[in-house]
Amino acid sequence: MPPVVLYAVDLVAVSILTFALYFPRHRRRDLVVAYLGVNVGVLAVSAVLSAGSIAAGLGLGLFGVLSIIRLRSNELSQREVAYYFAALALGLLGGLGTSAGWLGLAGSALILAVIAVADHPRLLARHASQTIVLDRAVTDRAELTTWLEELLGGRVRAVSVQELDLADDTTRVEVRYELPRDASRTSPAPAAQAPALAVAR
């Protein structure tokens, strides 16, 4: 397959990934630039490396180095990490996939399909997680779970106490919970039934 076809497919694929999937769902403009820049950069470098006999090894090395540098430079959510690796993989498939033929195209399509389905807003929509700071030090896990369920209006599936400050009388927890089928995400829980809090994430 001519390399120019794979380059064009990569540009179309990363445009779909960025403008049709990521930005409409998450609205973070700086990562649009990052995804496009990383993809095109990897595509250009891997296309040059494809002329050598060790292109595949260098491509995988490039993948690893760029991943480490990017993931250490800023805090990303797990969704954003998935999009970042997808942009990297599309660039590598476009630059190094000339010998793979239709497998390269199939790989690009598979990446887009998985991201589109896995990050769909309706997939596991009732499940959520938050990091919460309570204005009271709670040492009893059952009591803590009851408070969180009253506050969040859902069933707590897992609670991890991140910090228990007896001096300042606060508790910082990471909670994973499931909302009822008929519950609205925008409906606040009754404030009188739970301690005051600050949502950290």
C-alpha atoms as a PDB file:
ATOM      1  CA  MET A   1       0.000   0.000   0.000  1.00  0.00           C
ATOM      2  CA  PRO A   2       1.416   3.445  -0.896  1.00  0.00           C
ATOM      3  CA  PRO A   3       2.677   5.350   2.161  1.00  0.00           C
ATOM      4  CA  VAL A   4       0.734   8.453   1.176  1.00  0.00           C
ATOM      5  CA  VAL A   5      -2.514   6.520   1.632  1.00  0.00           C
ATOM      6  CA  LEU A   6      -1.556   5.565   5.179  1.00  0.00           C
ATOM      7  CA  TYR A   7      -0.540   9.149   5.929  1.00  0.00           C
ATOM      8  CA  ALA A   8      -3.913  10.382   4.727  1.00  0.00           C
ATOM      9  CA  VAL A   9      -5.713   7.718   6.737  1.00  0.00           C
ATOM     10  CA  ASP A  10      -3.777   8.718   9.848  1.00  0.00           C
ATOM     11  CA  LEU A  11      -4.671  12.403   9.435  1.00  0.00           C
ATOM     12  CA  VAL A  12      -8.334  11.538   8.975  1.00  0.00           C
ATOM     13  CA  ALA A  13      -8.258   9.154  11.941  1.00  0.00           C
ATOM     14  CA  VAL A  14      -6.605  11.607  14.329  1.00  0.00           C
ATOM     15  CA  SER A  15      -9.044  14.311  13.217  1.00  0.00           C
ATOM     16  CA  ILE A  16     -11.951  12.008  14.068  1.00  0.00           C
ATOM     17  CA  LEU A  17     -10.316  11.089  17.379  1.00  0.00           C
ATOM     18  CA  THR A  18      -9.735  14.717  18.333  1.00  0.00           C
ATOM     19  CA  PHE A  19     -12.610  16.710  16.856  1.00  0.00           C
ATOM     20  CA  ALA A  20     -15.411  14.129  16.706  1.00  0.00           C
ATOM     21  CA  LEU A  21     -14.709  12.121  19.872  1.00  0.00           C
ATOM     22  CA  TYR A  22     -12.493  13.928  22.375  1.00  0.00           C
ATOM     23  CA  PHE A  23     -13.336  17.636  22.140  1.00  0.00           C
ATOM     24  CA  PRO A  24     -17.152  17.353  21.971  1.00  0.00           C
ATOM     25  CA  ARG A  25     -17.086  15.134  25.058  1.00  0.00           C
ATOM     26  CA  HIS A  26     -14.402  16.795  27.205  1.00  0.00           C
ATOM     27  CA  ARG A  27     -13.864  20.338  25.858  1.00  0.00           C
ATOM     28  CA  ARG A  28     -10.189  20.670  26.786  1.00  0.00           C
ATOM     29  CA  ARG A  29      -8.575  22.770  24.079  1.00  0.00           C
ATOM     30  CA  ASP A  30      -4.929  22.367  25.124  1.00  0.00           C
ATOM     31  CA  LEU A  31      -5.103  18.603  24.650  1.00  0.00           C
ATOM     32  CA  VAL A  32      -6.496  19.054  21.138  1.00  0.00           C
ATOM     33  CA  VAL A  33      -3.199  20.714  20.240  1.00  0.00           C
ATOM     34  CA  ALA A  34      -1.259  18.023  22.109  1.00  0.00           C
ATOM     35  CA  TYR A  35      -3.011  15.105  20.395  1.00  0.00           C
ATOM     36  CA  LEU A  36      -2.625  16.582  16.918  1.00  0.00           C
ATOM     37  CA  GLY A  37       0.987  17.610  17.492  1.00  0.00           C
ATOM     38  CA  VAL A  38       2.023  14.272  18.961  1.00  0.00           C
ATOM     39  CA  ASN A  39       0.276  12.306  16.230  1.00  0.00           C
ATOM     40  CA  VAL A  40       1.750  14.270  13.346  1.00  0.00           C
ATOM     41  CA  GLY A  41       5.184  14.315  14.981  1.00  0.00           C
ATOM     42  CA  VAL A  42       5.183  10.557  15.505  1.00  0.00           C
ATOM     43  CA  LEU A  43       3.878  10.066  11.967  1.00  0.00           C
ATOM     44  CA  ALA A  44       6.705  12.146  10.484  1.00  0.00           C
ATOM     45  CA  VAL A  45       9.466  10.542  12.558  1.00  0.00           C
ATOM     46  CA  SER A  46       8.209   6.989  12.079  1.00  0.00           C
ATOM     47  CA  ALA A  47       7.860   7.575   8.340  1.00  0.00           C
ATOM     48  CA  VAL A  48      11.546   8.511   8.189  1.00  0.00           C
ATOM     49  CA  LEU A  49      12.522   5.561  10.365  1.00  0.00           C
ATOM     50  CA  SER A  50      10.548   3.149   8.193  1.00  0.00           C
ATOM     51  CA  ALA A  51      13.307   3.295   5.597  1.00  0.00           C
ATOM     52  CA  GLY A  52      15.705   1.520   7.985  1.00  0.00           C
ATOM     53  CA  SER A  53      15.896  -2.128   8.912  1.00  0.00           C
ATOM     54  CA  ILE A  54      15.371  -1.421  12.608  1.00  0.00           C
ATOM     55  CA  ALA A  55      12.353   0.816  12.093  1.00  0.00           C
ATOM     56  CA  ALA A  56       9.986  -1.233  14.234  1.00  0.00           C
ATOM     57  CA  GLY A  57      12.306  -1.259  17.246  1.00  0.00           C
ATOM     58  CA  LEU A  58      12.975   2.453  16.975  1.00  0.00           C
ATOM     59  CA  GLY A  59       9.263   3.132  16.589  1.00  0.00           C
ATOM     60  CA  LEU A  60       8.425   1.272  19.780  1.00  0.00           C
ATOM     61  CA  GLY A  61      11.274   3.066  21.559  1.00  0.00           C
ATOM     62  CA  LEU A  62       9.913   6.388  20.347  1.00  0.00           C
ATOM     63  CA  PHE A  63       6.464   5.391  21.604  1.00  0.00           C
ATOM     64  CA  GLY A  64       7.850   4.665  25.069  1.00  0.00           C
ATOM     65  CA  VAL A  65      10.008   7.786  25.345  1.00  0.00           C
ATOM     66  CA  LEU A  66       7.231  10.135  24.256  1.00  0.00           C
ATOM     67  CA  SER A  67       4.797   8.463  26.638  1.00  0.00           C
ATOM     68  CA  ILE A  68       7.106   8.867  29.632  1.00  0.00           C
ATOM     69  CA  ILE A  69       7.895  12.499  28.828  1.00  0.00           C
ATOM     70  CA  ARG A  70       4.278  13.469  28.264  1.00  0.00           C
ATOM     71  CA  LEU A  71       2.789  11.620  31.214  1.00  0.00           C
ATOM     72  CA  ARG A  72       5.361  13.111  33.616  1.00  0.00           C
ATOM     73  CA  SER A  73       4.852  16.687  32.427  1.00  0.00           C
ATOM     74  CA  ASN A  74       1.233  17.162  33.507  1.00  0.00           C
ATOM     75  CA  GLU A  75      -1.533  15.388  35.354  1.00  0.00           C
ATOM     76  CA  LEU A  76      -3.946  13.656  33.002  1.00  0.00           C
ATOM     77  CA  SER A  77      -7.135  11.779  33.721  1.00  0.00           C
ATOM     78  CA  GLN A  78      -7.326   8.144  32.702  1.00  0.00           C
ATOM     79  CA  ARG A  79      -9.587   9.091  29.777  1.00  0.00           C
ATOM     80  CA  GLU A  80      -7.062  11.632  28.535  1.00  0.00           C
ATOM     81  CA  VAL A  81      -4.257   9.080  28.852  1.00  0.00           C
ATOM     82  CA  ALA A  82      -6.279   6.695  26.666  1.00  0.00           C
ATOM     83  CA  TYR A  83      -6.753   9.363  24.002  1.00  0.00           C
ATOM     84  CA  TYR A  84      -3.058  10.222  24.187  1.00  0.00           C
ATOM     85  CA  PHE A  85      -1.974   6.630  23.572  1.00  0.00           C
ATOM     86  CA  ALA A  86      -4.535   6.343  20.795  1.00  0.00           C
ATOM     87  CA  ALA A  87      -3.015   9.391  19.062  1.00  0.00           C
ATOM     88  CA  LEU A  88       0.460   7.868  19.432  1.00  0.00           C
ATOM     89  CA  ALA A  89      -0.662   4.492  18.099  1.00  0.00           C
ATOM     90  CA  LEU A  90      -2.371   6.071  15.089  1.00  0.00           C
ATOM     91  CA  GLY A  91       0.810   7.947  14.245  1.00  0.00           C
ATOM     92  CA  LEU A  92       2.893   4.793  14.445  1.00  0.00           C
ATOM     93  CA  LEU A  93       0.446   2.824  12.326  1.00  0.00           C
ATOM     94  CA  GLY A  94       0.486   5.572   9.719  1.00  0.00           C
ATOM     95  CA  GLY A  95       4.260   5.858   9.605  1.00  0.00           C
ATOM     96  CA  LEU A  96       5.351   2.256  10.047  1.00  0.00           C
ATOM     97  CA  GLY A  97       2.397   0.376   8.588  1.00  0.00           C
ATOM     98  CA  THR A  98       3.419   0.326   4.924  1.00  0.00           C
ATOM     99  CA  SER A  99       4.380  -3.335   5.112  1.00  0.00           C
ATOM    100  CA  ALA A 100       1.254  -4.251   7.069  1.00  0.00           C
ATOM    101  CA  GLY A 101      -1.132  -3.203   4.322  1.00  0.00           C
ATOM    102  CA  TRP A 102      -4.757  -3.472   5.294  1.00  0.00           C
ATOM    103  CA  LEU A 103      -3.824  -4.491   8.819  1.00  0.00           C
ATOM    104  CA  GLY A 104      -2.665  -0.925   9.439  1.00  0.00           C
ATOM    105  CA  LEU A 105      -6.007   0.442   8.286  1.00  0.00           C
ATOM    106  CA  ALA A 106      -7.881  -2.117  10.348  1.00  0.00           C
ATOM    107  CA  GLY A 107      -5.799  -1.219  13.401  1.00  0.00           C
ATOM    108  CA  SER A 108      -6.615   2.470  13.028  1.00  0.00           C
ATOM    109  CA  ALA A 109     -10.315   1.719  12.645  1.00  0.00           C
ATOM    110  CA  LEU A 110     -10.232  -0.567  15.672  1.00  0.00           C
ATOM    111  CA  ILE A 111      -8.617   2.127  17.831  1.00  0.00           C
ATOM    112  CA  LEU A 112     -11.286   4.664  16.887  1.00  0.00           C
ATOM    113  CA  ALA A 113     -14.095   2.171  17.439  1.00  0.00           C
ATOM    114  CA  VAL A 114     -12.858   1.163  20.893  1.00  0.00           C
ATOM    115  CA  ILE A 115     -12.399   4.785  22.016  1.00  0.00           C
ATOM    116  CA  ALA A 116     -15.816   5.764  20.650  1.00  0.00           C
ATOM    117  CA  VAL A 117     -17.583   2.969  22.543  1.00  0.00           C
ATOM    118  CA  ALA A 118     -15.514   2.923  25.747  1.00  0.00           C
ATOM    119  CA  ASP A 119     -15.794   6.694  26.280  1.00  0.00           C
ATOM    120  CA  HIS A 120     -19.453   7.007  25.312  1.00  0.00           C
ATOM    121  CA  PRO A 121     -21.371   9.066  27.913  1.00  0.00           C
ATOM    122  CA  ARG A 122     -24.072   6.396  28.198  1.00  0.00           C
ATOM    123  CA  LEU A 123     -21.661   3.573  28.985  1.00  0.00           C
ATOM    124  CA  LEU A 124     -21.802   2.907  32.754  1.00  0.00           C
ATOM    125  CA  ALA A 125     -23.338   6.375  33.131  1.00  0.00           C
ATOM    126  CA  ARG A 126     -24.632   5.703  36.659  1.00  0.00           C
ATOM    127  CA  HIS A 127     -21.173   4.878  38.006  1.00  0.00           C
ATOM    128  CA  ALA A 128     -18.990   7.731  39.233  1.00  0.00           C
ATOM    129  CA  SER A 129     -16.069   8.494  41.515  1.00  0.00           C
ATOM    130  CA  GLN A 130     -15.067  11.558  43.508  1.00  0.00           C
ATOM    131  CA  THR A 131     -12.466  12.687  45.977  1.00  0.00           C
ATOM    132  CA  ILE A 132     -14.272  14.323  48.897  1.00  0.00           C
ATOM    133  CA  VAL A 133     -13.115  16.181  51.997  1.00  0.00           C
ATOM    134  CA  LEU A 134     -15.511  15.881  54.957  1.00  0.00           C
ATOM    135  CA  ASP A 135     -15.433  18.456  57.769  1.00  0.00           C
ATOM    136  CA  ARG A 136     -15.186  15.729  60.382  1.00  0.00           C
ATOM    137  CA  ALA A 137     -12.700  12.989  61.186  1.00  0.00           C
ATOM    138  CA  VAL A 138     -14.596   9.721  60.720  1.00  0.00           C
ATOM    139  CA  THR A 139     -12.880   6.551  61.895  1.00  0.00           C
ATOM    140  CA  ASP A 140     -15.816   4.158  61.571  1.00  0.00           C
ATOM    141  CA  ARG A 141     -16.078   2.850  58.001  1.00  0.00           C
ATOM    142  CA  ALA A 142     -19.758   1.922  58.282  1.00  0.00           C
ATOM    143  CA  GLU A 143     -20.643   5.409  59.506  1.00  0.00           C
ATOM    144  CA  LEU A 144     -18.541   6.956  56.759  1.00  0.00           C
ATOM    145  CA  THR A 145     -20.260   4.845  54.101  1.00  0.00           C
ATOM    146  CA  THR A 146     -23.709   5.812  55.406  1.00  0.00           C
ATOM    147  CA  TRP A 147     -22.839   9.521  55.310  1.00  0.00           C
ATOM    148  CA  LEU A 148     -21.499   9.281  51.790  1.00  0.00           C
ATOM    149  CA  GLU A 149     -24.555   7.426  50.531  1.00  0.00           C
ATOM    150  CA  GLU A 150     -26.849  10.078  52.033  1.00  0.00           C
ATOM    151  CA  LEU A 151     -24.729  12.853  50.596  1.00  0.00           C
ATOM    152  CA  LEU A 152     -24.309  11.450  47.093  1.00  0.00           C
ATOM    153  CA  GLY A 153     -27.751   9.904  46.779  1.00  0.00           C
ATOM    154  CA  GLY A 154     -26.388   6.599  45.547  1.00  0.00           C
ATOM    155  CA  ARG A 155     -24.969   3.270  46.655  1.00  0.00           C
ATOM    156  CA  VAL A 156     -21.317   3.389  47.669  1.00  0.00           C
ATOM    157  CA  ARG A 157     -19.339   0.606  46.026  1.00  0.00           C
ATOM    158  CA  ALA A 158     -15.862   1.367  47.398  1.00  0.00           C
ATOM    159  CA  VAL A 159     -14.344   3.836  49.859  1.00  0.00           C
ATOM    160  CA  SER A 160     -10.657   4.571  50.264  1.00  0.00           C
ATOM    161  CA  VAL A 161      -9.595   6.915  53.075  1.00  0.00           C
ATOM    162  CA  GLN A 162      -6.779   9.049  51.690  1.00  0.00           C
ATOM    163  CA  GLU A 163      -6.196  11.167  54.788  1.00  0.00           C
ATOM    164  CA  LEU A 164      -7.600  11.172  58.313  1.00  0.00           C
ATOM    165  CA  ASP A 165      -6.667  14.404  60.121  1.00  0.00           C
ATOM    166  CA  LEU A 166      -7.625  14.253  63.792  1.00  0.00           C
ATOM    167  CA  ALA A 167      -6.044  17.649  64.516  1.00  0.00           C
ATOM    168  CA  ASP A 168      -8.061  19.576  61.891  1.00  0.00           C
ATOM    169  CA  ASP A 169     -11.034  17.191  62.185  1.00  0.00           C
ATOM    170  CA  THR A 170     -11.268  16.323  58.478  1.00  0.00           C
ATOM    171  CA  THR A 171     -11.439  13.167  56.398  1.00  0.00           C
ATOM    172  CA  ARG A 172     -10.340  12.946  52.774  1.00  0.00           C
ATOM    173  CA  VAL A 173     -11.767   9.967  50.915  1.00  0.00           C
ATOM    174  CA  GLU A 174     -11.972   8.616  47.413  1.00  0.00           C
ATOM    175  CA  VAL A 175     -15.410   7.137  46.851  1.00  0.00           C
ATOM    176  CA  ARG A 176     -16.827   5.082  43.988  1.00  0.00           C
ATOM    177  CA  TYR A 177     -20.593   4.947  43.869  1.00  0.00           C
ATOM    178  CA  GLU A 178     -23.588   4.013  41.741  1.00  0.00           C
ATOM    179  CA  LEU A 179     -26.580   6.289  41.241  1.00  0.00           C
ATOM    180  CA  PRO A 180     -30.158   4.946  41.094  1.00  0.00           C
ATOM    181  CA  ARG A 181     -31.618   4.412  37.635  1.00  0.00           C
ATOM    182  CA  ASP A 182     -34.035   7.324  37.974  1.00  0.00           C
ATOM    183  CA  ALA A 183     -31.605   9.717  39.671  1.00  0.00           C
ATOM    184  CA  SER A 184     -30.354  12.889  38.042  1.00  0.00           C
ATOM    185  CA  ARG A 185     -26.684  13.697  38.271  1.00  0.00           C
ATOM    186  CA  THR A 186     -27.480  17.342  38.787  1.00  0.00           C
ATOM    187  CA  SER A 187     -29.762  16.816  41.787  1.00  0.00           C
ATOM    188  CA  PRO A 188     -27.938  17.690  45.023  1.00  0.00           C
ATOM    189  CA  ALA A 189     -28.322  15.484  48.077  1.00  0.00           C
ATOM    190  CA  PRO A 190     -29.975  16.985  51.186  1.00  0.00           C
ATOM    191  CA  ALA A 191     -27.322  19.012  52.989  1.00  0.00           C
ATOM    192  CA  ALA A 192     -28.864  18.427  56.393  1.00  0.00           C
ATOM    193  CA  GLN A 193     -28.227  14.697  56.251  1.00  0.00           C
ATOM    194  CA  ALA A 194     -24.471  14.849  55.705  1.00  0.00           C
ATOM    195  CA  PRO A 195     -21.496  16.925  56.847  1.00  0.00           C
ATOM    196  CA  ALA A 196     -20.213  19.829  54.796  1.00  0.00           C
ATOM    197  CA  LEU A 197     -17.635  18.944  52.216  1.00  0.00           C
ATOM    198  CA  ALA A 198     -15.364  20.212  49.498  1.00  0.00           C
ATOM    199  CA  VAL A 199     -15.237  18.213  46.312  1.00  0.00           C
ATOM    200  CA  ALA A 200     -11.639  17.953  45.151  1.00  0.00           C
ATOM    201  CA  ARG A 201     -12.326  16.195  41.863  1.00  0.00           C
END
